Amino acid sequence: MSTEIGREHEDRAAKYFADHLGGRVLARNFRIRSAEIDLIAEQGGDLVFIEVRYRRRQQFGSGLESVDGKKRGRIERAARCYLERLSDLERRRFRGVRFDVLVTEGERVYHLKDAWRAP
């Protein structure tokens, strides 16, 4: 998928998260050497790490199915790095941490809150 298409779907997901779920995007495309977090947001006191997936059609599985254990592990490593960069004061303002998936398929956006728990 091209960078432009990926950015378009991340934009849609960020707008959906803010407009329909009442969240606020804090950062986009946070990268470490081996991983990237598409969106980092705040919602209801939680710090939310969001993986955005795009599917034109489901012949190769849904966007949710495409976030496998290897992908989750990379996102978790990046999330730990992000958290380590926050000050104690910044970390304390969040009640909890969770991992969500937002999937764009055609005109629809699907949100899976708390898609997995980090060990």
C-alpha atoms as a PDB file:
ATOM      1  CA  MET A   1       0.000   0.000   0.000  1.00  0.00           C
ATOM      2  CA  SER A   2       1.334   3.420  -0.847  1.00  0.00           C
ATOM      3  CA  THR A   3       2.226   5.938   1.832  1.00  0.00           C
ATOM      4  CA  GLU A   4      -0.452   8.271   0.501  1.00  0.00           C
ATOM      5  CA  ILE A   5      -3.196   5.640   0.811  1.00  0.00           C
ATOM      6  CA  GLY A   6      -1.967   4.694   4.287  1.00  0.00           C
ATOM      7  CA  ARG A   7      -2.012   8.326   5.389  1.00  0.00           C
ATOM      8  CA  GLU A   8      -5.537   8.770   4.005  1.00  0.00           C
ATOM      9  CA  HIS A   9      -6.820   5.828   6.050  1.00  0.00           C
ATOM     10  CA  GLU A  10      -4.963   6.969   9.168  1.00  0.00           C
ATOM     11  CA  ASP A  11      -6.608  10.386   8.708  1.00  0.00           C
ATOM     12  CA  ARG A  12     -10.030   8.724   8.476  1.00  0.00           C
ATOM     13  CA  ALA A  13      -9.333   6.621  11.551  1.00  0.00           C
ATOM     14  CA  ALA A  14      -8.108   9.617  13.569  1.00  0.00           C
ATOM     15  CA  LYS A  15     -11.184  11.628  12.602  1.00  0.00           C
ATOM     16  CA  TYR A  16     -13.472   8.715  13.468  1.00  0.00           C
ATOM     17  CA  PHE A  17     -11.762   8.246  16.846  1.00  0.00           C
ATOM     18  CA  ALA A  18     -12.213  11.931  17.689  1.00  0.00           C
ATOM     19  CA  ASP A  19     -15.670  12.512  16.217  1.00  0.00           C
ATOM     20  CA  HIS A  20     -17.420   9.252  17.111  1.00  0.00           C
ATOM     21  CA  LEU A  21     -15.528   7.970  20.133  1.00  0.00           C
ATOM     22  CA  GLY A  22     -14.620  11.205  21.881  1.00  0.00           C
ATOM     23  CA  GLY A  23     -10.884  10.545  21.859  1.00  0.00           C
ATOM     24  CA  ARG A  24      -8.025  12.943  21.233  1.00  0.00           C
ATOM     25  CA  VAL A  25      -5.048  12.000  19.060  1.00  0.00           C
ATOM     26  CA  LEU A  26      -1.766  12.867  20.773  1.00  0.00           C
ATOM     27  CA  ALA A  27       0.740  11.524  18.229  1.00  0.00           C
ATOM     28  CA  ARG A  28       0.888   9.878  14.825  1.00  0.00           C
ATOM     29  CA  ASN A  29       3.338   7.432  13.316  1.00  0.00           C
ATOM     30  CA  PHE A  30       5.518   6.989  16.390  1.00  0.00           C
ATOM     31  CA  ARG A  31       8.505   4.951  15.201  1.00  0.00           C
ATOM     32  CA  ILE A  32      11.288   2.965  16.698  1.00  0.00           C
ATOM     33  CA  ARG A  33      13.754   0.937  14.685  1.00  0.00           C
ATOM     34  CA  SER A  34      11.607  -2.182  14.355  1.00  0.00           C
ATOM     35  CA  ALA A  35       8.048  -0.902  14.774  1.00  0.00           C
ATOM     36  CA  GLU A  36       5.548   1.887  14.355  1.00  0.00           C
ATOM     37  CA  ILE A  37       2.393   2.899  16.165  1.00  0.00           C
ATOM     38  CA  ASP A  38      -0.096   4.499  13.787  1.00  0.00           C
ATOM     39  CA  LEU A  39      -1.986   6.616  16.333  1.00  0.00           C
ATOM     40  CA  ILE A  40      -1.502   7.371  20.009  1.00  0.00           C
ATOM     41  CA  ALA A  41      -4.555   8.865  21.648  1.00  0.00           C
ATOM     42  CA  GLU A  42      -6.260   9.648  24.897  1.00  0.00           C
ATOM     43  CA  GLN A  43      -9.793   8.524  25.639  1.00  0.00           C
ATOM     44  CA  GLY A  44     -11.625   8.471  28.942  1.00  0.00           C
ATOM     45  CA  GLY A  45      -8.392   8.746  30.912  1.00  0.00           C
ATOM     46  CA  ASP A  46      -6.692   5.897  29.023  1.00  0.00           C
ATOM     47  CA  LEU A  47      -3.618   6.137  26.832  1.00  0.00           C
ATOM     48  CA  VAL A  48      -4.587   4.292  23.654  1.00  0.00           C
ATOM     49  CA  PHE A  49      -2.153   2.801  21.135  1.00  0.00           C
ATOM     50  CA  ILE A  50      -4.047   2.331  17.866  1.00  0.00           C
ATOM     51  CA  GLU A  51      -3.204   0.123  14.909  1.00  0.00           C
ATOM     52  CA  VAL A  52      -4.976   1.256  11.737  1.00  0.00           C
ATOM     53  CA  ARG A  53      -5.719  -1.392   9.126  1.00  0.00           C
ATOM     54  CA  TYR A  54      -7.168  -0.924   5.660  1.00  0.00           C
ATOM     55  CA  ARG A  55      -8.900  -3.603   3.663  1.00  0.00           C
ATOM     56  CA  ARG A  56     -10.295  -3.052   0.209  1.00  0.00           C
ATOM     57  CA  ARG A  57     -11.881  -6.495   0.377  1.00  0.00           C
ATOM     58  CA  GLN A  58     -11.752  -9.417   2.771  1.00  0.00           C
ATOM     59  CA  GLN A  59     -10.517 -12.153   0.444  1.00  0.00           C
ATOM     60  CA  PHE A  60      -7.257 -12.325   2.440  1.00  0.00           C
ATOM     61  CA  GLY A  61      -8.960 -11.959   5.826  1.00  0.00           C
ATOM     62  CA  SER A  62     -10.244  -9.028   7.788  1.00  0.00           C
ATOM     63  CA  GLY A  63      -8.146  -6.150   9.023  1.00  0.00           C
ATOM     64  CA  LEU A  64      -8.583  -7.419  12.561  1.00  0.00           C
ATOM     65  CA  GLU A  65      -7.218 -10.845  11.624  1.00  0.00           C
ATOM     66  CA  SER A  66      -4.139  -9.249  10.103  1.00  0.00           C
ATOM     67  CA  VAL A  67      -2.880  -8.006  13.484  1.00  0.00           C
ATOM     68  CA  ASP A  68      -1.101 -11.216  14.423  1.00  0.00           C
ATOM     69  CA  GLY A  69       1.126 -12.005  17.396  1.00  0.00           C
ATOM     70  CA  LYS A  70       4.277 -10.769  15.671  1.00  0.00           C
ATOM     71  CA  LYS A  71       2.642  -7.426  14.804  1.00  0.00           C
ATOM     72  CA  ARG A  72       1.247  -7.075  18.341  1.00  0.00           C
ATOM     73  CA  GLY A  73       4.718  -7.707  19.783  1.00  0.00           C
ATOM     74  CA  ARG A  74       6.256  -4.950  17.661  1.00  0.00           C
ATOM     75  CA  ILE A  75       3.513  -2.503  18.660  1.00  0.00           C
ATOM     76  CA  GLU A  76       4.005  -3.401  22.341  1.00  0.00           C
ATOM     77  CA  ARG A  77       7.776  -2.751  22.075  1.00  0.00           C
ATOM     78  CA  ALA A  78       7.111   0.658  20.530  1.00  0.00           C
ATOM     79  CA  ALA A  79       4.504   1.409  23.219  1.00  0.00           C
ATOM     80  CA  ARG A  80       7.046   0.625  25.976  1.00  0.00           C
ATOM     81  CA  CYS A  81       9.529   3.020  24.320  1.00  0.00           C
ATOM     82  CA  TYR A  82       6.861   5.717  24.111  1.00  0.00           C
ATOM     83  CA  LEU A  83       5.969   5.257  27.782  1.00  0.00           C
ATOM     84  CA  GLU A  84       9.638   5.384  28.805  1.00  0.00           C
ATOM     85  CA  ARG A  85       9.947   8.789  27.137  1.00  0.00           C
ATOM     86  CA  LEU A  86       7.090  10.252  29.177  1.00  0.00           C
ATOM     87  CA  SER A  87       7.819  11.936  32.473  1.00  0.00           C
ATOM     88  CA  ASP A  88       6.347  10.448  35.664  1.00  0.00           C
ATOM     89  CA  LEU A  89       3.867  13.317  35.752  1.00  0.00           C
ATOM     90  CA  GLU A  90       2.738  12.646  32.167  1.00  0.00           C
ATOM     91  CA  ARG A  91       2.365   8.897  32.841  1.00  0.00           C
ATOM     92  CA  ARG A  92       0.319   9.486  36.002  1.00  0.00           C
ATOM     93  CA  ARG A  93      -2.324  11.455  34.168  1.00  0.00           C
ATOM     94  CA  PHE A  94      -3.428   8.251  32.412  1.00  0.00           C
ATOM     95  CA  ARG A  95      -5.659   5.791  34.231  1.00  0.00           C
ATOM     96  CA  GLY A  96      -4.613   2.878  32.036  1.00  0.00           C
ATOM     97  CA  VAL A  97      -3.098   1.761  28.750  1.00  0.00           C
ATOM     98  CA  ARG A  98      -4.841  -0.185  26.034  1.00  0.00           C
ATOM     99  CA  PHE A  99      -4.351  -1.372  22.470  1.00  0.00           C
ATOM    100  CA  ASP A 100      -7.133  -0.755  19.931  1.00  0.00           C
ATOM    101  CA  VAL A 101      -7.527  -1.567  16.253  1.00  0.00           C
ATOM    102  CA  LEU A 102      -9.394   0.655  13.794  1.00  0.00           C
ATOM    103  CA  VAL A 103     -10.187  -0.941  10.443  1.00  0.00           C
ATOM    104  CA  THR A 104     -11.350   0.977   7.395  1.00  0.00           C
ATOM    105  CA  GLU A 105     -13.211  -1.126   4.839  1.00  0.00           C
ATOM    106  CA  GLY A 106     -14.868   0.806   2.058  1.00  0.00           C
ATOM    107  CA  GLU A 107     -16.904   3.555   3.711  1.00  0.00           C
ATOM    108  CA  ARG A 108     -17.056   1.769   7.059  1.00  0.00           C
ATOM    109  CA  VAL A 109     -14.782   2.118  10.051  1.00  0.00           C
ATOM    110  CA  TYR A 110     -14.701  -0.626  12.670  1.00  0.00           C
ATOM    111  CA  HIS A 111     -13.298  -0.080  16.137  1.00  0.00           C
ATOM    112  CA  LEU A 112     -12.067  -2.893  18.341  1.00  0.00           C
ATOM    113  CA  LYS A 113     -11.483  -1.459  21.796  1.00  0.00           C
ATOM    114  CA  ASP A 114      -8.966  -3.325  23.936  1.00  0.00           C
ATOM    115  CA  ALA A 115      -8.069  -5.594  21.008  1.00  0.00           C
ATOM    116  CA  TRP A 116      -5.403  -7.321  23.125  1.00  0.00           C
ATOM    117  CA  ARG A 117      -3.626  -7.037  26.459  1.00  0.00           C
ATOM    118  CA  ALA A 118       0.110  -6.625  26.723  1.00  0.00           C
ATOM    119  CA  PRO A 119       1.775  -9.099  29.092  1.00  0.00           C
END
